[in-house]
Amino acid sequence: LLLTEDEAGKAGLARLLGHKTVSGEL
């Protein structure tokens, strides 16, 4: 869903998901 809006890196996706860092699950 986030990538339907715009492209993003892992750190950007983590921030948009409300996470402080990129998790192993991500």
PDB file of all heavy atoms in Angstrom:
ATOM      1  N   LEU A   1       0.829  -1.215   0.000  1.00  0.00           N
ATOM      2  CA  LEU A   1       0.000   0.000   0.000  1.00  0.00           C
ATOM      3  C   LEU A   1       0.861   1.262   0.000  1.00  0.00           C
ATOM      4  O   LEU A   1       0.559   2.224  -0.709  1.00  0.00           O
ATOM      5  CB  LEU A   1      -0.938   0.017   1.207  1.00  0.00           C
ATOM      6  CG  LEU A   1      -2.152  -0.891   1.093  1.00  0.00           C
ATOM      7  CD1 LEU A   1      -2.946  -0.883   2.389  1.00  0.00           C
ATOM      8  CD2 LEU A   1      -3.036  -0.485  -0.070  1.00  0.00           C
ATOM      9  N   LEU A   2       1.933   1.255   0.781  1.00  0.00           N
ATOM     10  CA  LEU A   2       2.814   2.424   0.802  1.00  0.00           C
ATOM     11  C   LEU A   2       3.468   2.640  -0.556  1.00  0.00           C
ATOM     12  O   LEU A   2       3.625   3.780  -0.997  1.00  0.00           O
ATOM     13  CB  LEU A   2       3.890   2.263   1.881  1.00  0.00           C
ATOM     14  CG  LEU A   2       3.392   2.382   3.321  1.00  0.00           C
ATOM     15  CD1 LEU A   2       4.501   2.005   4.294  1.00  0.00           C
ATOM     16  CD2 LEU A   2       2.876   3.778   3.613  1.00  0.00           C
ATOM     17  N   LEU A   3       3.810   1.556  -1.231  1.00  0.00           N
ATOM     18  CA  LEU A   3       4.471   1.682  -2.532  1.00  0.00           C
ATOM     19  C   LEU A   3       3.492   2.023  -3.648  1.00  0.00           C
ATOM     20  O   LEU A   3       3.920   2.362  -4.745  1.00  0.00           O
ATOM     21  CB  LEU A   3       5.262   0.414  -2.853  1.00  0.00           C
ATOM     22  CG  LEU A   3       6.476   0.169  -1.942  1.00  0.00           C
ATOM     23  CD1 LEU A   3       7.167  -1.143  -2.308  1.00  0.00           C
ATOM     24  CD2 LEU A   3       7.458   1.328  -1.996  1.00  0.00           C
ATOM     25  N   THR A   4       2.196   1.964  -3.385  1.00  0.00           N
ATOM     26  CA  THR A   4       1.244   2.440  -4.398  1.00  0.00           C
ATOM     27  C   THR A   4       1.317   3.958  -4.492  1.00  0.00           C
ATOM     28  O   THR A   4       0.996   4.532  -5.517  1.00  0.00           O
ATOM     29  CB  THR A   4      -0.214   2.030  -4.098  1.00  0.00           C
ATOM     30  OG1 THR A   4      -0.611   2.585  -2.856  1.00  0.00           O
ATOM     31  CG2 THR A   4      -0.397   0.527  -4.109  1.00  0.00           C
ATOM     32  N   GLU A   5       1.729   4.613  -3.392  1.00  0.00           N
ATOM     33  CA  GLU A   5       1.834   6.067  -3.358  1.00  0.00           C
ATOM     34  C   GLU A   5       3.087   6.556  -4.066  1.00  0.00           C
ATOM     35  O   GLU A   5       3.041   7.484  -4.847  1.00  0.00           O
ATOM     36  CB  GLU A   5       1.853   6.564  -1.904  1.00  0.00           C
ATOM     37  CG  GLU A   5       0.602   6.237  -1.124  1.00  0.00           C
ATOM     38  CD  GLU A   5      -0.614   6.943  -1.655  1.00  0.00           C
ATOM     39  OE1 GLU A   5      -0.496   8.115  -2.030  1.00  0.00           O
ATOM     40  OE2 GLU A   5      -1.683   6.326  -1.697  1.00  0.00           O
ATOM     41  N   ASP A   6       4.237   5.926  -3.731  1.00  0.00           N
ATOM     42  CA  ASP A   6       5.510   6.387  -4.271  1.00  0.00           C
ATOM     43  C   ASP A   6       6.564   5.346  -3.957  1.00  0.00           C
ATOM     44  O   ASP A   6       6.393   4.528  -3.048  1.00  0.00           O
ATOM     45  CB  ASP A   6       5.891   7.728  -3.631  1.00  0.00           C
ATOM     46  CG  ASP A   6       6.979   8.476  -4.405  1.00  0.00           C
ATOM     47  OD1 ASP A   6       7.296   8.056  -5.535  1.00  0.00           O
ATOM     48  OD2 ASP A   6       7.480   9.476  -3.878  1.00  0.00           O
ATOM     49  N   GLU A   7       7.656   5.380  -4.680  1.00  0.00           N
ATOM     50  CA  GLU A   7       8.756   4.475  -4.370  1.00  0.00           C
ATOM     51  C   GLU A   7       9.391   4.906  -3.060  1.00  0.00           C
ATOM     52  O   GLU A   7       9.293   6.067  -2.654  1.00  0.00           O
ATOM     53  CB  GLU A   7       9.774   4.448  -5.502  1.00  0.00           C
ATOM     54  CG  GLU A   7      10.394   5.778  -5.818  1.00  0.00           C
ATOM     55  CD  GLU A   7      11.298   5.733  -7.043  1.00  0.00           C
ATOM     56  OE1 GLU A   7      10.945   5.106  -8.047  1.00  0.00           O
ATOM     57  OE2 GLU A   7      12.376   6.358  -6.974  1.00  0.00           O
ATOM     58  N   ALA A   8      10.065   3.937  -2.376  1.00  0.00           N
ATOM     59  CA  ALA A   8      10.684   4.246  -1.085  1.00  0.00           C
ATOM     60  C   ALA A   8      11.780   3.241  -0.798  1.00  0.00           C
ATOM     61  O   ALA A   8      11.745   2.099  -1.276  1.00  0.00           O
ATOM     62  CB  ALA A   8       9.636   4.214   0.026  1.00  0.00           C
ATOM     63  N   GLY A   9      12.741   3.667   0.015  1.00  0.00           N
ATOM     64  CA  GLY A   9      13.788   2.779   0.500  1.00  0.00           C
ATOM     65  C   GLY A   9      13.317   2.086   1.765  1.00  0.00           C
ATOM     66  O   GLY A   9      12.262   2.415   2.319  1.00  0.00           O
ATOM     67  N   LYS A  10      14.136   1.141   2.254  1.00  0.00           N
ATOM     68  CA  LYS A  10      13.752   0.406   3.466  1.00  0.00           C
ATOM     69  C   LYS A  10      13.611   1.334   4.669  1.00  0.00           C
ATOM     70  O   LYS A  10      12.649   1.213   5.435  1.00  0.00           O
ATOM     71  CB  LYS A  10      14.778  -0.688   3.771  1.00  0.00           C
ATOM     72  CG  LYS A  10      14.683  -1.873   2.849  1.00  0.00           C
ATOM     73  CD  LYS A  10      15.708  -2.933   3.232  1.00  0.00           C
ATOM     74  CE  LYS A  10      15.653  -4.109   2.248  1.00  0.00           C
ATOM     75  NZ  LYS A  10      16.686  -5.107   2.551  1.00  0.00           N
ATOM     76  N   ALA A  11      14.551   2.262   4.827  1.00  0.00           N
ATOM     77  CA  ALA A  11      14.481   3.183   5.975  1.00  0.00           C
ATOM     78  C   ALA A  11      13.234   4.063   5.879  1.00  0.00           C
ATOM     79  O   ALA A  11      12.545   4.299   6.877  1.00  0.00           O
ATOM     80  CB  ALA A  11      15.736   4.043   6.048  1.00  0.00           C
ATOM     81  N   GLY A  12      12.917   4.511   4.681  1.00  0.00           N
ATOM     82  CA  GLY A  12      11.717   5.322   4.483  1.00  0.00           C
ATOM     83  C   GLY A  12      10.449   4.533   4.773  1.00  0.00           C
ATOM     84  O   GLY A  12       9.524   5.041   5.398  1.00  0.00           O
ATOM     85  N   LEU A  13      10.421   3.277   4.325  1.00  0.00           N
ATOM     86  CA  LEU A  13       9.262   2.419   4.618  1.00  0.00           C
ATOM     87  C   LEU A  13       9.124   2.215   6.122  1.00  0.00           C
ATOM     88  O   LEU A  13       8.016   2.278   6.656  1.00  0.00           O
ATOM     89  CB  LEU A  13       9.406   1.065   3.906  1.00  0.00           C
ATOM     90  CG  LEU A  13       9.197   1.097   2.390  1.00  0.00           C
ATOM     91  CD1 LEU A  13       9.647  -0.217   1.758  1.00  0.00           C
ATOM     92  CD2 LEU A  13       7.737   1.387   2.057  1.00  0.00           C
ATOM     93  N   ALA A  14      10.254   1.973   6.798  1.00  0.00           N
ATOM     94  CA  ALA A  14      10.209   1.783   8.249  1.00  0.00           C
ATOM     95  C   ALA A  14       9.616   3.019   8.929  1.00  0.00           C
ATOM     96  O   ALA A  14       8.748   2.899   9.796  1.00  0.00           O
ATOM     97  CB  ALA A  14      11.605   1.481   8.789  1.00  0.00           C
ATOM     98  N   ARG A  15      10.065   4.196   8.530  1.00  0.00           N
ATOM     99  CA  ARG A  15       9.528   5.447   9.109  1.00  0.00           C
ATOM    100  C   ARG A  15       8.029   5.575   8.849  1.00  0.00           C
ATOM    101  O   ARG A  15       7.262   5.924   9.740  1.00  0.00           O
ATOM    102  CB  ARG A  15      10.255   6.665   8.536  1.00  0.00           C
ATOM    103  CG  ARG A  15      11.487   7.069   9.299  1.00  0.00           C
ATOM    104  CD  ARG A  15      11.990   8.448   8.881  1.00  0.00           C
ATOM    105  NE  ARG A  15      12.123   8.619   7.437  1.00  0.00           N
ATOM    106  CZ  ARG A  15      13.149   8.199   6.707  1.00  0.00           C
ATOM    107  NH1 ARG A  15      14.144   7.574   7.281  1.00  0.00           N
ATOM    108  NH2 ARG A  15      13.184   8.400   5.409  1.00  0.00           N
ATOM    109  N   LEU A  16       7.620   5.304   7.599  1.00  0.00           N
ATOM    110  CA  LEU A  16       6.195   5.410   7.265  1.00  0.00           C
ATOM    111  C   LEU A  16       5.347   4.413   8.049  1.00  0.00           C
ATOM    112  O   LEU A  16       4.177   4.653   8.320  1.00  0.00           O
ATOM    113  CB  LEU A  16       5.991   5.201   5.762  1.00  0.00           C
ATOM    114  CG  LEU A  16       6.534   6.321   4.863  1.00  0.00           C
ATOM    115  CD1 LEU A  16       6.528   5.865   3.400  1.00  0.00           C
ATOM    116  CD2 LEU A  16       5.725   7.589   5.043  1.00  0.00           C
ATOM    117  N   LEU A  17       5.956   3.294   8.417  1.00  0.00           N
ATOM    118  CA  LEU A  17       5.262   2.273   9.211  1.00  0.00           C
ATOM    119  C   LEU A  17       5.276   2.599  10.701  1.00  0.00           C
ATOM    120  O   LEU A  17       4.678   1.903  11.500  1.00  0.00           O
ATOM    121  CB  LEU A  17       5.897   0.899   8.969  1.00  0.00           C
ATOM    122  CG  LEU A  17       5.684   0.313   7.578  1.00  0.00           C
ATOM    123  CD1 LEU A  17       6.659  -0.832   7.319  1.00  0.00           C
ATOM    124  CD2 LEU A  17       4.239  -0.157   7.422  1.00  0.00           C
ATOM    125  N   GLY A  18       5.998   3.675  11.057  1.00  0.00           N
ATOM    126  CA  GLY A  18       6.063   4.071  12.458  1.00  0.00           C
ATOM    127  C   GLY A  18       7.166   3.372  13.229  1.00  0.00           C
ATOM    128  O   GLY A  18       7.160   3.371  14.461  1.00  0.00           O
ATOM    129  N   HIS A  19       8.114   2.760  12.529  1.00  0.00           N
ATOM    130  CA  HIS A  19       9.226   2.069  13.179  1.00  0.00           C
ATOM    131  C   HIS A  19      10.442   2.978  13.213  1.00  0.00           C
ATOM    132  O   HIS A  19      10.648   3.795  12.310  1.00  0.00           O
ATOM    133  CB  HIS A  19       9.578   0.783  12.432  1.00  0.00           C
ATOM    134  CG  HIS A  19       8.424  -0.156  12.293  1.00  0.00           C
ATOM    135  ND1 HIS A  19       8.408  -1.174  11.379  1.00  0.00           N
ATOM    136  CD2 HIS A  19       7.232  -0.243  12.945  1.00  0.00           C
ATOM    137  CE1 HIS A  19       7.276  -1.845  11.474  1.00  0.00           C
ATOM    138  NE2 HIS A  19       6.548  -1.292  12.414  1.00  0.00           N
ATOM    139  N   LYS A  20      11.268   2.815  14.239  1.00  0.00           N
ATOM    140  CA  LYS A  20      12.482   3.636  14.347  1.00  0.00           C
ATOM    141  C   LYS A  20      13.588   3.105  13.444  1.00  0.00           C
ATOM    142  O   LYS A  20      14.392   3.879  12.930  1.00  0.00           O
ATOM    143  CB  LYS A  20      12.961   3.671  15.797  1.00  0.00           C
ATOM    144  CG  LYS A  20      12.015   4.437  16.706  1.00  0.00           C
ATOM    145  CD  LYS A  20      12.521   4.481  18.111  1.00  0.00           C
ATOM    146  CE  LYS A  20      11.516   5.224  18.984  1.00  0.00           C
ATOM    147  NZ  LYS A  20      11.900   5.241  20.377  1.00  0.00           N
ATOM    148  N   THR A  21      13.650   1.801  13.293  1.00  0.00           N
ATOM    149  CA  THR A  21      14.702   1.189  12.473  1.00  0.00           C
ATOM    150  C   THR A  21      14.085   0.146  11.547  1.00  0.00           C
ATOM    151  O   THR A  21      12.916  -0.230  11.699  1.00  0.00           O
ATOM    152  CB  THR A  21      15.763   0.492  13.348  1.00  0.00           C
ATOM    153  OG1 THR A  21      15.116  -0.538  14.110  1.00  0.00           O
ATOM    154  CG2 THR A  21      16.449   1.475  14.282  1.00  0.00           C
ATOM    155  N   VAL A  22      14.892  -0.335  10.608  1.00  0.00           N
ATOM    156  CA  VAL A  22      14.445  -1.380   9.685  1.00  0.00           C
ATOM    157  C   VAL A  22      14.564  -2.714  10.420  1.00  0.00           C
ATOM    158  O   VAL A  22      15.653  -3.126  10.819  1.00  0.00           O
ATOM    159  CB  VAL A  22      15.309  -1.384   8.401  1.00  0.00           C
ATOM    160  CG1 VAL A  22      14.856  -2.487   7.473  1.00  0.00           C
ATOM    161  CG2 VAL A  22      15.250  -0.029   7.718  1.00  0.00           C
ATOM    162  N   SER A  23      13.441  -3.381  10.596  1.00  0.00           N
ATOM    163  CA  SER A  23      13.431  -4.648  11.324  1.00  0.00           C
ATOM    164  C   SER A  23      13.781  -5.814  10.409  1.00  0.00           C
ATOM    165  O   SER A  23      13.708  -5.708   9.180  1.00  0.00           O
ATOM    166  CB  SER A  23      12.046  -4.884  11.930  1.00  0.00           C
ATOM    167  OG  SER A  23      11.102  -5.090  10.889  1.00  0.00           O
ATOM    168  N   GLY A  24      14.132  -6.924  11.027  1.00  0.00           N
ATOM    169  CA  GLY A  24      14.388  -8.148  10.270  1.00  0.00           C
ATOM    170  C   GLY A  24      13.145  -8.587   9.511  1.00  0.00           C
ATOM    171  O   GLY A  24      13.233  -9.097   8.387  1.00  0.00           O
ATOM    172  N   GLU A  25      11.987  -8.378  10.114  1.00  0.00           N
ATOM    173  CA  GLU A  25      10.728  -8.757   9.459  1.00  0.00           C
ATOM    174  C   GLU A  25      10.480  -7.910   8.220  1.00  0.00           C
ATOM    175  O   GLU A  25       9.994  -8.414   7.202  1.00  0.00           O
ATOM    176  CB  GLU A  25       9.556  -8.640  10.439  1.00  0.00           C
ATOM    177  CG  GLU A  25       8.240  -9.151   9.905  1.00  0.00           C
ATOM    178  CD  GLU A  25       8.223 -10.631   9.550  1.00  0.00           C
ATOM    179  OE1 GLU A  25       9.063 -11.397  10.041  1.00  0.00           O
ATOM    180  OE2 GLU A  25       7.339 -11.030   8.748  1.00  0.00           O
ATOM    181  N   LEU A  26      10.821  -6.635   8.278  1.00  0.00           N
ATOM    182  CA  LEU A  26      10.661  -5.782   7.104  1.00  0.00           C
ATOM    183  C   LEU A  26      11.591  -6.246   5.989  1.00  0.00           C
ATOM    184  O   LEU A  26      11.172  -6.349   4.837  1.00  0.00           O
ATOM    185  CB  LEU A  26      10.928  -4.305   7.450  1.00  0.00           C
ATOM    186  CG  LEU A  26      10.769  -3.306   6.302  1.00  0.00           C
ATOM    187  CD1 LEU A  26       9.378  -3.381   5.681  1.00  0.00           C
ATOM    188  CD2 LEU A  26      11.070  -1.895   6.783  1.00  0.00           C
TER     189      LEU A  26
END
